[in-house]
Amino acid sequence: MAELPYAHGGPPLTGTLRTVPEDFFVDEDLGFAADGAGEHVFLRVEKRGANTDFVARELAKYAGIAPDAVSYAGLKDRHAVTRQTFSLHLAGKPDPDWRALQHEEFRVLDARRHSRKLKRGALKGNHFRIVLRGVAGDRGAVEVRIAAIVEQGVPNYFGEQRFGRGGANVERALRMFEGRRVQRHERSLLLSAARSHLFNAVLAARVEAGNWRTPLAGEVWMLAGTHSVFGPEPLGDELLRRFGDGDIGLTGPLWGKGALRSVEEVAQIESVVVAQYAPLAAGLEANGLNQERRALALRPGDFSVNWSTDRDLELAFSLPAGAYATTVLREICAWTAASVGAPTSEREGPETAV
């Protein structure tokens, strides 16, 4: 992530991230509530210092069901305090006494029945509350920077969590494409890392050129608040008006087989960049992934700032599903990760949401 270009001139602050898990708080928003009846139980769970898969297995064990009978909308960071929903398939089974479930790494906040299983990607977004410790730099510049972020957004890069420790998953994906055998769950992670790397490279090229927020000939558009895309269409006053109003946004490629949807100038940019990573592109195509699109810009909502001390800065904001809080933070602060917050393979948003 440090090598990717910044959109707003580089971070004005330095500091430390994740001194304790409570410094990185994530609250998942499904966008809907359990309907109160059915074969599934929706559990609202708060976890601390635990990964999502581990909690799912522990819930399955307590309920006396198979691990694959537990699902969740998206992975959440291990080195954090997070609240998210798990669904357990309890057809013909009574609800266990969730109040009696005691675990040092998580607790059940609420339990409600629902008629359907919670699927991957079935969430609206996440709310974040993040504390940066030992902050130094120009405090006055922070207000200007955050105002620019709220108005213009930030490049919607995939965060470092997508790429594993030291970004090693991209190299591992290359070895997999060359014939190295991997486990089934590992294959998914490596395909995601390869695809994300190509997207970041295309977006970085447009940030570097200063046109990541400037419509060019041949754009594919995404409707705001959705993942629905349309186009390309000839640039005209109506498209530019809708773009200016925030009704639609620009997209970049999530690589796979099939024809690149963009045309003209945009297709030229995307093709030239991806050609530099031909083995990754070919591997994604050979593994059956289809061409898809992802928004180039990310605009956080409900942004608030609080200096709890002269050296401690608390930031709160909301992001849609599939977005990474670290892509917002990097435009504000060049942080050092405390030992509790070393990068993991987990994500702040689900892969299926992109």
Protein backbone atom coordinates (compact mmCIF):
# COMPACT_ATOMS: atom_id res chain seq x y z
CA MET A 1 0.00 0.00 0.00
CA ALA A 2 2.88 2.40 0.72
CA GLU A 3 3.89 2.23 -2.97
CA LEU A 4 0.45 3.25 -4.28
CA PRO A 5 0.04 6.94 -5.17
CA TYR A 6 -1.94 9.21 -2.89
CA ALA A 7 -4.86 11.26 -4.14
CA HIS A 8 -4.52 14.24 -1.80
CA GLY A 9 -0.78 14.83 -1.55
CA GLY A 10 0.37 12.37 1.09
CA PRO A 11 -0.63 12.02 4.76
CA PRO A 12 -0.07 15.07 7.02
CA LEU A 13 0.21 12.97 10.19
CA THR A 14 2.23 10.09 11.64
CA GLY A 15 1.06 7.83 14.45
CA THR A 16 0.53 4.31 15.77
CA LEU A 17 -2.43 2.11 14.84
CA ARG A 18 -3.91 -0.72 16.92
CA THR A 19 -2.03 -0.20 20.17
CA VAL A 20 -4.87 -2.24 21.70
CA PRO A 21 -7.71 -4.05 19.88
CA GLU A 22 -10.20 -1.42 21.07
CA ASP A 23 -8.39 1.17 18.92
CA PHE A 24 -9.92 -0.47 15.83
CA PHE A 25 -13.66 -0.96 16.29
CA VAL A 26 -15.88 -2.27 13.48
CA ASP A 27 -19.67 -2.47 13.64
CA GLU A 28 -21.28 -4.39 10.79
CA ASP A 29 -24.49 -3.07 9.26
CA LEU A 30 -26.53 -5.73 7.45
CA GLY A 31 -29.06 -3.19 6.28
CA PHE A 32 -31.94 -5.40 7.39
CA ALA A 33 -33.22 -7.08 10.54
CA ALA A 34 -34.04 -10.70 11.30
CA ASP A 35 -37.74 -11.40 10.68
CA GLY A 36 -38.29 -13.27 13.96
CA ALA A 37 -39.11 -16.79 12.72
CA GLY A 38 -37.53 -19.59 10.73
CA GLU A 39 -34.89 -22.32 10.73
CA HIS A 40 -31.96 -19.95 11.18
CA VAL A 41 -30.76 -18.00 14.20
CA PHE A 42 -29.05 -14.67 13.68
CA LEU A 43 -26.52 -14.04 16.43
CA ARG A 44 -25.13 -10.58 16.97
CA VAL A 45 -21.62 -11.22 18.29
CA GLU A 46 -18.87 -8.98 19.63
CA LYS A 47 -15.40 -10.46 19.29
CA ARG A 48 -12.02 -9.21 20.50
CA GLY A 49 -8.72 -10.48 19.12
CA ALA A 50 -10.36 -13.43 17.35
CA ASN A 51 -10.80 -14.21 13.68
CA THR A 52 -14.19 -14.78 12.17
CA ASP A 53 -13.72 -18.44 11.22
CA PHE A 54 -12.64 -19.30 14.75
CA VAL A 55 -15.77 -17.72 16.24
CA ALA A 56 -17.95 -19.53 13.70
CA ARG A 57 -16.44 -22.88 14.70
CA GLU A 58 -16.92 -22.16 18.41
CA LEU A 59 -20.56 -21.23 17.85
CA ALA A 60 -21.13 -24.44 15.89
CA LYS A 61 -19.57 -26.48 18.68
CA TYR A 62 -21.75 -24.84 21.32
CA ALA A 63 -24.93 -25.32 19.25
CA GLY A 64 -24.07 -28.93 18.40
CA ILE A 65 -24.13 -28.42 14.63
CA ALA A 66 -21.64 -28.85 11.80
CA PRO A 67 -19.28 -25.93 11.09
CA ASP A 68 -20.75 -25.52 7.61
CA ALA A 69 -24.15 -24.81 9.21
CA VAL A 70 -22.75 -21.46 10.39
CA SER A 71 -22.41 -18.55 7.98
CA TYR A 72 -21.59 -14.86 8.07
CA ALA A 73 -21.71 -11.92 5.67
CA GLY A 74 -18.02 -11.08 5.73
CA LEU A 75 -14.71 -11.57 7.46
CA LYS A 76 -13.68 -9.03 10.07
CA ASP A 77 -10.19 -8.14 11.21
CA ARG A 78 -8.75 -10.24 14.01
CA HIS A 79 -6.76 -7.43 15.62
CA ALA A 80 -9.81 -5.37 16.52
CA VAL A 81 -13.05 -5.29 18.44
CA THR A 82 -15.80 -6.09 15.97
CA ARG A 83 -19.54 -6.65 16.02
CA GLN A 84 -21.05 -8.82 13.33
CA THR A 85 -23.87 -11.26 12.66
CA PHE A 86 -23.53 -15.04 12.34
CA SER A 87 -26.39 -17.25 11.17
CA LEU A 88 -26.79 -20.81 12.48
CA HIS A 89 -29.02 -23.35 10.78
CA LEU A 90 -31.04 -24.89 13.62
CA ALA A 91 -33.83 -26.64 11.72
CA GLY A 92 -35.88 -28.65 14.22
CA LYS A 93 -33.57 -27.64 17.07
CA PRO A 94 -34.37 -25.41 20.04
CA ASP A 95 -32.26 -22.35 20.70
CA PRO A 96 -29.36 -23.01 23.07
CA ASP A 97 -29.05 -20.79 26.13
CA TRP A 98 -26.87 -18.13 24.55
CA ARG A 99 -26.59 -16.26 27.86
CA ALA A 100 -24.73 -19.25 29.27
CA LEU A 101 -22.09 -19.14 26.53
CA GLN A 102 -18.95 -17.75 28.14
CA HIS A 103 -15.84 -17.19 26.03
CA GLU A 104 -12.87 -14.92 26.63
CA GLU A 105 -12.67 -13.83 22.96
CA PHE A 106 -16.30 -13.14 22.10
CA ARG A 107 -19.81 -12.71 23.52
CA VAL A 108 -23.31 -13.02 22.10
CA LEU A 109 -25.19 -9.72 22.22
CA ASP A 110 -28.49 -10.75 20.67
CA ALA A 111 -30.23 -13.79 19.11
CA ARG A 112 -33.18 -13.69 16.72
CA ARG A 113 -34.72 -16.24 14.37
CA HIS A 114 -34.74 -15.63 10.62
CA SER A 115 -36.24 -17.44 7.64
CA ARG A 116 -33.08 -17.45 5.51
CA LYS A 117 -29.39 -18.15 5.82
CA LEU A 118 -27.06 -15.17 5.96
CA LYS A 119 -25.04 -15.21 2.75
CA ARG A 120 -21.58 -13.86 2.02
CA GLY A 121 -21.74 -10.27 0.95
CA ALA A 122 -25.26 -9.74 2.31
CA LEU A 123 -24.49 -6.54 4.17
CA LYS A 124 -24.85 -2.82 3.64
CA GLY A 125 -21.49 -1.80 5.07
CA ASN A 126 -19.46 -1.21 8.21
CA HIS A 127 -19.09 1.57 10.74
CA PHE A 128 -15.55 2.21 11.99
CA ARG A 129 -14.16 3.94 15.07
CA ILE A 130 -10.38 4.11 14.90
CA VAL A 131 -7.92 5.64 17.36
CA LEU A 132 -4.45 6.73 16.27
CA ARG A 133 -1.96 7.07 19.15
CA GLY A 134 1.15 9.20 19.47
CA VAL A 135 0.07 11.42 16.60
CA ALA A 136 2.46 14.05 15.27
CA GLY A 137 2.14 16.50 12.38
CA ASP A 138 0.09 19.42 11.19
CA ARG A 139 -3.23 19.30 13.03
CA GLY A 140 -4.60 22.15 10.96
CA ALA A 141 -3.95 20.21 7.76
CA VAL A 142 -6.05 17.32 9.05
CA GLU A 143 -9.28 19.30 8.86
CA VAL A 144 -8.49 20.33 5.29
CA ARG A 145 -7.60 16.75 4.35
CA ILE A 146 -10.75 15.25 5.83
CA ALA A 147 -12.90 17.87 4.10
CA ALA A 148 -11.30 16.86 0.79
CA ILE A 149 -11.89 13.18 1.53
CA VAL A 150 -15.56 13.74 2.40
CA GLU A 151 -16.11 15.79 -0.75
CA GLN A 152 -13.99 13.85 -3.27
CA GLY A 153 -13.41 10.45 -1.66
CA VAL A 154 -10.23 8.40 -1.83
CA PRO A 155 -8.99 5.84 -4.35
CA ASN A 156 -10.89 2.63 -3.65
CA TYR A 157 -7.77 0.48 -3.31
CA PHE A 158 -7.96 -3.02 -1.92
CA GLY A 159 -6.27 -2.87 1.48
CA GLU A 160 -3.18 -4.70 2.63
CA GLN A 161 -5.32 -7.33 4.38
CA ARG A 162 -6.21 -8.73 0.96
CA PHE A 163 -2.59 -9.60 0.18
CA GLY A 164 -1.39 -11.46 3.28
CA ARG A 165 1.76 -10.84 5.28
CA GLY A 166 4.21 -8.74 3.34
CA GLY A 167 1.99 -8.97 0.26
CA ALA A 168 3.12 -12.56 -0.26
CA ASN A 169 -0.21 -13.79 -1.63
CA VAL A 170 0.42 -12.30 -5.07
CA GLU A 171 3.65 -14.27 -5.47
CA ARG A 172 1.89 -17.37 -4.13
CA ALA A 173 -0.86 -16.85 -6.71
CA LEU A 174 1.77 -16.80 -9.46
CA ARG A 175 3.18 -20.10 -8.22
CA MET A 176 -0.33 -21.56 -8.13
CA PHE A 177 -0.90 -20.47 -11.74
CA GLU A 178 2.40 -22.19 -12.62
CA GLY A 179 1.07 -25.49 -11.27
CA ARG A 180 1.71 -25.51 -7.54
CA ARG A 181 -1.14 -27.29 -5.75
CA VAL A 182 -2.92 -25.46 -2.93
CA GLN A 183 -5.79 -26.23 -0.61
CA ARG A 184 -9.28 -25.24 -1.66
CA HIS A 185 -9.68 -22.36 0.81
CA GLU A 186 -6.21 -21.07 -0.05
CA ARG A 187 -7.08 -21.01 -3.76
CA SER A 188 -9.85 -18.49 -3.15
CA LEU A 189 -7.56 -16.19 -1.17
CA LEU A 190 -4.87 -16.30 -3.84
CA LEU A 191 -7.28 -15.62 -6.69
CA SER A 192 -8.61 -12.64 -4.75
CA ALA A 193 -5.09 -11.33 -4.14
CA ALA A 194 -4.17 -11.58 -7.83
CA ARG A 195 -7.37 -9.88 -8.96
CA SER A 196 -7.03 -7.15 -6.36
CA HIS A 197 -3.43 -6.48 -7.37
CA LEU A 198 -4.47 -5.86 -10.97
CA PHE A 199 -7.30 -3.54 -9.91
CA ASN A 200 -4.97 -1.57 -7.65
CA ALA A 201 -2.44 -1.25 -10.48
CA VAL A 202 -5.05 0.18 -12.88
CA LEU A 203 -6.40 2.56 -10.24
CA ALA A 204 -2.87 3.64 -9.30
CA ALA A 205 -2.17 4.52 -12.94
CA ARG A 206 -5.25 6.74 -13.05
CA VAL A 207 -4.41 8.38 -9.72
CA GLU A 208 -0.89 9.05 -10.98
CA ALA A 209 -2.32 10.57 -14.16
CA GLY A 210 -4.80 12.67 -12.18
CA ASN A 211 -7.89 11.23 -13.91
CA TRP A 212 -9.26 8.76 -11.34
CA ARG A 213 -12.18 11.19 -10.85
CA THR A 214 -12.26 12.57 -14.40
CA PRO A 215 -14.57 10.80 -16.88
CA LEU A 216 -12.78 9.66 -20.02
CA ALA A 217 -14.04 8.23 -23.30
CA GLY A 218 -15.12 4.61 -22.87
CA GLU A 219 -16.00 4.60 -19.16
CA VAL A 220 -18.11 1.89 -17.53
CA TRP A 221 -20.36 3.48 -14.90
CA MET A 222 -21.65 2.25 -11.54
CA LEU A 223 -24.86 3.46 -9.92
CA ALA A 224 -24.16 5.02 -6.52
CA GLY A 225 -25.01 2.78 -3.59
CA THR A 226 -25.18 -0.34 -5.75
CA HIS A 227 -22.92 -2.63 -7.73
CA SER A 228 -25.01 -2.19 -10.89
CA VAL A 229 -22.99 -1.07 -13.90
CA PHE A 230 -23.89 0.26 -17.32
CA GLY A 231 -22.13 1.57 -20.39
CA PRO A 232 -19.92 2.42 -22.00
CA GLU A 233 -21.88 5.28 -23.53
CA PRO A 234 -20.71 8.40 -25.35
CA LEU A 235 -19.82 11.16 -22.89
CA GLY A 236 -22.56 13.74 -22.90
CA ASP A 237 -24.02 16.46 -20.72
CA GLU A 238 -26.46 14.11 -18.98
CA LEU A 239 -23.78 11.60 -17.96
CA LEU A 240 -21.48 14.36 -16.76
CA ARG A 241 -24.33 15.93 -14.80
CA ARG A 242 -25.15 12.64 -13.09
CA PHE A 243 -21.48 12.11 -12.32
CA GLY A 244 -21.20 15.58 -10.84
CA ASP A 245 -24.30 14.96 -8.73
CA GLY A 246 -22.81 11.72 -7.36
CA ASP A 247 -25.51 9.57 -8.92
CA ILE A 248 -22.97 7.50 -10.86
CA GLY A 249 -19.25 6.81 -10.59
CA LEU A 250 -16.30 5.48 -12.56
CA THR A 251 -15.15 1.86 -12.43
CA GLY A 252 -12.08 -0.26 -13.02
CA PRO A 253 -11.66 -3.92 -13.96
CA LEU A 254 -11.85 -6.94 -11.70
CA TRP A 255 -10.01 -9.16 -14.12
CA GLY A 256 -11.33 -12.39 -15.57
CA LYS A 257 -12.23 -14.13 -18.82
CA GLY A 258 -14.26 -12.43 -21.49
CA ALA A 259 -14.01 -9.11 -23.26
CA LEU A 260 -12.96 -6.02 -21.34
CA ARG A 261 -16.14 -3.97 -20.99
CA SER A 262 -14.52 -0.54 -21.26
CA VAL A 263 -13.60 0.89 -24.68
CA GLU A 264 -11.56 3.70 -26.24
CA GLU A 265 -9.32 5.68 -23.86
CA VAL A 266 -10.27 3.76 -20.73
CA ALA A 267 -9.74 0.37 -22.37
CA GLN A 268 -6.33 1.54 -23.57
CA ILE A 269 -5.26 2.49 -20.04
CA GLU A 270 -6.55 -0.74 -18.54
CA SER A 271 -5.05 -2.97 -21.22
CA VAL A 272 -1.60 -1.36 -21.02
CA VAL A 273 -1.45 -1.68 -17.23
CA VAL A 274 -2.71 -5.26 -17.09
CA ALA A 275 -0.28 -6.29 -19.84
CA GLN A 276 2.51 -5.62 -17.36
CA TYR A 277 1.09 -8.44 -15.22
CA ALA A 278 0.21 -10.88 -17.99
CA PRO A 279 0.80 -14.08 -15.93
CA LEU A 280 -1.65 -12.88 -13.26
CA ALA A 281 -4.28 -11.95 -15.84
CA ALA A 282 -3.88 -15.25 -17.67
CA GLY A 283 -4.12 -17.20 -14.43
CA LEU A 284 -7.36 -15.50 -13.45
CA GLU A 285 -8.84 -16.19 -16.87
CA ALA A 286 -7.76 -19.84 -16.76
CA ASN A 287 -9.39 -20.26 -13.35
CA GLY A 288 -12.76 -19.20 -14.73
CA LEU A 289 -13.26 -15.78 -13.17
CA ASN A 290 -15.36 -13.43 -15.28
CA GLN A 291 -14.73 -9.77 -16.05
CA GLU A 292 -16.42 -7.57 -13.43
CA ARG A 293 -16.11 -3.96 -12.31
CA ARG A 294 -15.36 -2.10 -9.06
CA ALA A 295 -15.81 1.58 -8.20
CA LEU A 296 -12.64 3.68 -8.52
CA ALA A 297 -13.61 6.15 -5.79
CA LEU A 298 -14.59 5.51 -2.18
CA ARG A 299 -16.49 8.16 -0.23
CA PRO A 300 -16.82 7.57 3.52
CA GLY A 301 -19.99 8.69 5.25
CA ASP A 302 -20.80 10.00 8.74
CA PHE A 303 -17.24 11.26 9.20
CA SER A 304 -16.33 12.67 12.62
CA VAL A 305 -13.03 13.66 14.23
CA ASN A 306 -12.14 13.89 17.91
CA TRP A 307 -8.81 14.69 19.53
CA SER A 308 -9.18 12.83 22.85
CA THR A 309 -5.72 14.09 23.84
CA ASP A 310 -3.08 16.21 22.12
CA ARG A 311 -1.55 13.01 20.72
CA ASP A 312 -4.57 10.71 20.30
CA LEU A 313 -6.91 11.15 17.33
CA GLU A 314 -10.22 9.30 17.02
CA LEU A 315 -11.79 8.97 13.57
CA ALA A 316 -15.26 7.58 12.93
CA PHE A 317 -16.83 6.91 9.53
CA SER A 318 -18.95 4.46 7.55
CA LEU A 319 -17.98 2.52 4.45
CA PRO A 320 -19.95 0.36 2.03
CA ALA A 321 -19.40 -3.40 1.88
CA GLY A 322 -16.18 -4.42 0.21
CA ALA A 323 -14.28 -1.25 1.19
CA TYR A 324 -11.23 -0.94 3.43
CA ALA A 325 -10.81 1.51 6.29
CA THR A 326 -7.06 1.53 5.75
CA THR A 327 -7.51 3.09 2.30
CA VAL A 328 -9.11 6.08 4.04
CA LEU A 329 -6.58 6.20 6.88
CA ARG A 330 -3.55 6.21 4.57
CA GLU A 331 -4.59 9.59 3.15
CA ILE A 332 -4.60 11.04 6.70
CA CYS A 333 -1.82 9.32 8.63
CA ALA A 334 1.35 7.37 7.89
CA TRP A 335 0.96 4.91 10.72
CA THR A 336 3.13 2.29 12.32
CA ALA A 337 1.23 -0.86 13.23
CA ALA A 338 1.64 -1.89 16.85
CA SER A 339 2.43 -5.57 17.40
CA VAL A 340 -1.23 -6.31 18.16
CA GLY A 341 -2.20 -5.05 14.73
CA ALA A 342 0.12 -6.94 12.38
CA PRO A 343 -1.65 -7.45 9.03
CA THR A 344 -3.60 -10.66 8.60
CA SER A 345 -5.32 -12.31 5.67
CA GLU A 346 -8.70 -11.14 6.94
CA ARG A 347 -10.60 -8.29 5.36
CA GLU A 348 -12.74 -5.43 6.54
CA GLY A 349 -15.20 -6.24 3.78
CA PRO A 350 -16.29 -9.47 2.11
CA GLU A 351 -14.86 -10.53 -1.22
CA THR A 352 -18.30 -11.28 -2.57
CA ALA A 353 -19.34 -7.68 -2.03
CA VAL A 354 -16.92 -6.28 -4.55
